[in-house]
Amino acid sequence: QVQLVESGGGLVQAGGSLRLSCAASGRTVNNDAMGWFRQAPGKEREFVAAISWGAKANYADSVKGRFTISRDNAKNTVYLQMDSLKSEDAAVYYCALSVGVSRSYVPVAAVYYNYWGRGTQVTVSS
C-alpha cells in the first residue's frame, strides 16, 4: 500500500555531486524508517544510508563523510546528498521504507524494509 518513487539519478563526473529524492505515497506509517540501498553490476545489493522517523541516521562506512541522508516527514520524502562521488559509487540506487520500527531505530539489513522503489541509476564518469 506504500509506493516509493526515486528521482535525481544521472551521470556525474568523479568528484561531483548528486542529490537523490524519494517520495512515499499511499498508506504511510508515522514511525517508519527510510533508507537507501545500491546495487552495482556484478555485486549484491548493499546498504548505503538510512534514517529513522526521529532523524537518527546510519551510514555505510564506504560513504560516511561524503553522503548525507535527510528526510522531510511532512512531505514523506527522504533525500540523499552525494558529494565527492567516486567510480565505486556507480550503481542503481533504491529507496526503501521500513514499517513497525521505533522513532530511533535505523535498520541496515534489507530484510527489515517492507517497500522498495524501482531504483534510479547513478553513473560516475572518470
Protein backbone atom coordinates (compact mmCIF):
# COMPACT_ATOMS: atom_id res chain seq x y z
CA GLN A 1 0.00 0.00 0.00
CA VAL A 2 3.07 2.25 0.01
CA GLN A 3 4.66 3.42 -3.21
CA LEU A 4 8.16 4.86 -3.42
CA VAL A 5 9.43 6.88 -6.35
CA GLU A 6 13.09 7.83 -6.66
CA SER A 7 14.43 10.71 -8.69
CA GLY A 8 17.65 12.62 -9.18
CA GLY A 9 19.91 9.99 -10.66
CA GLY A 10 22.09 10.67 -13.66
CA LEU A 11 25.59 10.99 -15.00
CA VAL A 12 28.17 12.87 -12.98
CA GLN A 13 31.92 13.27 -13.15
CA ALA A 14 34.05 11.80 -10.40
CA GLY A 15 34.28 14.29 -7.58
CA GLY A 16 30.91 15.76 -8.40
CA SER A 17 27.62 15.69 -6.57
CA LEU A 18 24.09 14.43 -6.97
CA ARG A 19 21.01 14.70 -4.81
CA LEU A 20 18.53 11.85 -4.84
CA SER A 21 14.96 12.16 -3.68
CA CYS A 22 12.39 9.56 -2.77
CA ALA A 23 8.75 10.36 -2.25
CA ALA A 24 6.45 7.95 -0.43
CA SER A 25 2.76 7.82 -1.12
CA GLY A 26 -0.13 5.67 -0.05
CA ARG A 27 -0.65 4.37 3.45
CA THR A 28 2.48 5.55 5.21
CA VAL A 29 3.33 4.95 8.85
CA ASN A 30 4.45 7.65 11.26
CA ASN A 31 7.27 5.65 12.83
CA ASP A 32 8.81 4.36 9.64
CA ALA A 33 12.47 4.34 8.75
CA MET A 34 13.61 5.17 5.25
CA GLY A 35 16.84 4.23 3.62
CA TRP A 36 18.90 3.90 0.50
CA PHE A 37 20.50 0.78 -0.91
CA ARG A 38 22.51 0.36 -4.07
CA GLN A 39 23.44 -2.40 -6.44
CA ALA A 40 26.32 -2.27 -8.87
CA PRO A 41 26.83 -4.69 -11.76
CA GLY A 42 28.17 -7.99 -10.52
CA LYS A 43 27.55 -7.13 -6.88
CA GLU A 44 24.74 -7.75 -4.45
CA ARG A 45 22.55 -5.02 -3.09
CA GLU A 46 24.20 -3.17 -0.23
CA PHE A 47 23.18 -0.74 2.44
CA VAL A 48 24.08 2.90 1.88
CA ALA A 49 22.27 5.03 4.45
CA ALA A 50 19.08 5.10 6.45
CA ILE A 51 17.24 7.50 8.71
CA SER A 52 14.62 7.00 11.39
CA TRP A 53 11.41 8.94 11.88
CA GLY A 54 13.24 10.85 14.60
CA ALA A 55 16.12 11.68 12.23
CA LYS A 56 18.72 9.30 13.60
CA ALA A 57 20.95 8.32 10.69
CA ASN A 58 23.27 5.43 9.90
CA TYR A 59 25.76 5.24 7.06
CA ALA A 60 27.80 2.57 5.41
CA ASP A 61 31.50 3.04 6.06
CA SER A 62 32.13 3.45 2.36
CA VAL A 63 30.01 6.61 2.14
CA LYS A 64 30.37 8.12 5.59
CA GLY A 65 31.60 11.68 5.36
CA ARG A 66 30.57 12.00 1.72
CA PHE A 67 26.85 11.25 1.71
CA THR A 68 24.17 12.88 3.81
CA ILE A 69 20.70 11.47 4.34
CA SER A 70 17.80 13.62 5.46
CA ARG A 71 14.03 13.49 5.49
CA ASP A 72 11.01 15.72 5.49
CA ASN A 73 8.28 13.91 7.39
CA ALA A 74 5.61 16.37 6.34
CA LYS A 75 6.35 15.55 2.70
CA ASN A 76 7.02 11.85 3.26
CA THR A 77 10.27 12.32 1.41
CA VAL A 78 13.83 11.19 2.01
CA TYR A 79 16.90 12.69 0.38
CA LEU A 80 20.42 11.50 -0.25
CA GLN A 81 23.00 14.18 -0.90
CA MET A 82 26.02 12.56 -2.52
CA ASP A 83 29.25 14.52 -2.64
CA SER A 84 32.76 13.62 -3.76
CA LEU A 85 31.41 10.83 -5.89
CA LYS A 86 33.73 8.02 -6.86
CA SER A 87 33.56 5.44 -9.60
CA GLU A 88 32.78 2.89 -6.90
CA ASP A 89 29.54 4.75 -6.19
CA ALA A 90 28.10 3.97 -9.62
CA ALA A 91 25.05 1.79 -9.13
CA VAL A 92 21.31 1.66 -9.19
CA TYR A 93 20.11 3.33 -6.02
CA TYR A 94 16.96 2.05 -4.38
CA CYS A 95 14.80 3.79 -1.85
CA ALA A 96 13.24 1.63 0.84
CA LEU A 97 10.82 2.04 3.73
CA SER A 98 10.60 0.01 6.91
CA VAL A 99 7.39 -0.06 8.92
CA GLY A 100 6.79 -1.08 12.50
CA VAL A 101 10.01 0.37 13.92
CA SER A 102 10.64 2.87 16.67
CA ARG A 103 11.45 6.53 16.16
CA SER A 104 15.12 5.88 16.90
CA TYR A 105 15.70 2.53 15.22
CA VAL A 106 17.56 2.54 11.92
CA PRO A 107 17.74 -0.93 10.38
CA VAL A 108 20.59 -1.58 7.96
CA ALA A 109 19.59 -5.01 6.71
CA ALA A 110 17.44 -5.17 3.61
CA VAL A 111 15.18 -7.79 5.16
CA TYR A 112 13.77 -5.19 7.53
CA TYR A 113 12.49 -3.00 4.73
CA ASN A 114 8.97 -3.63 3.52
CA TYR A 115 8.64 -1.39 0.48
CA TRP A 116 11.03 -0.60 -2.33
CA GLY A 117 11.24 1.82 -5.18
CA ARG A 118 12.16 0.87 -8.71
CA GLY A 119 15.59 2.46 -8.46
CA THR A 120 17.43 5.32 -10.09
CA GLN A 121 20.69 4.98 -11.99
CA VAL A 122 23.78 6.83 -10.84
CA THR A 123 26.67 6.80 -13.28
CA VAL A 124 30.06 8.24 -12.38
CA SER A 125 32.49 9.01 -15.16
CA SER A 126 36.26 9.22 -14.76
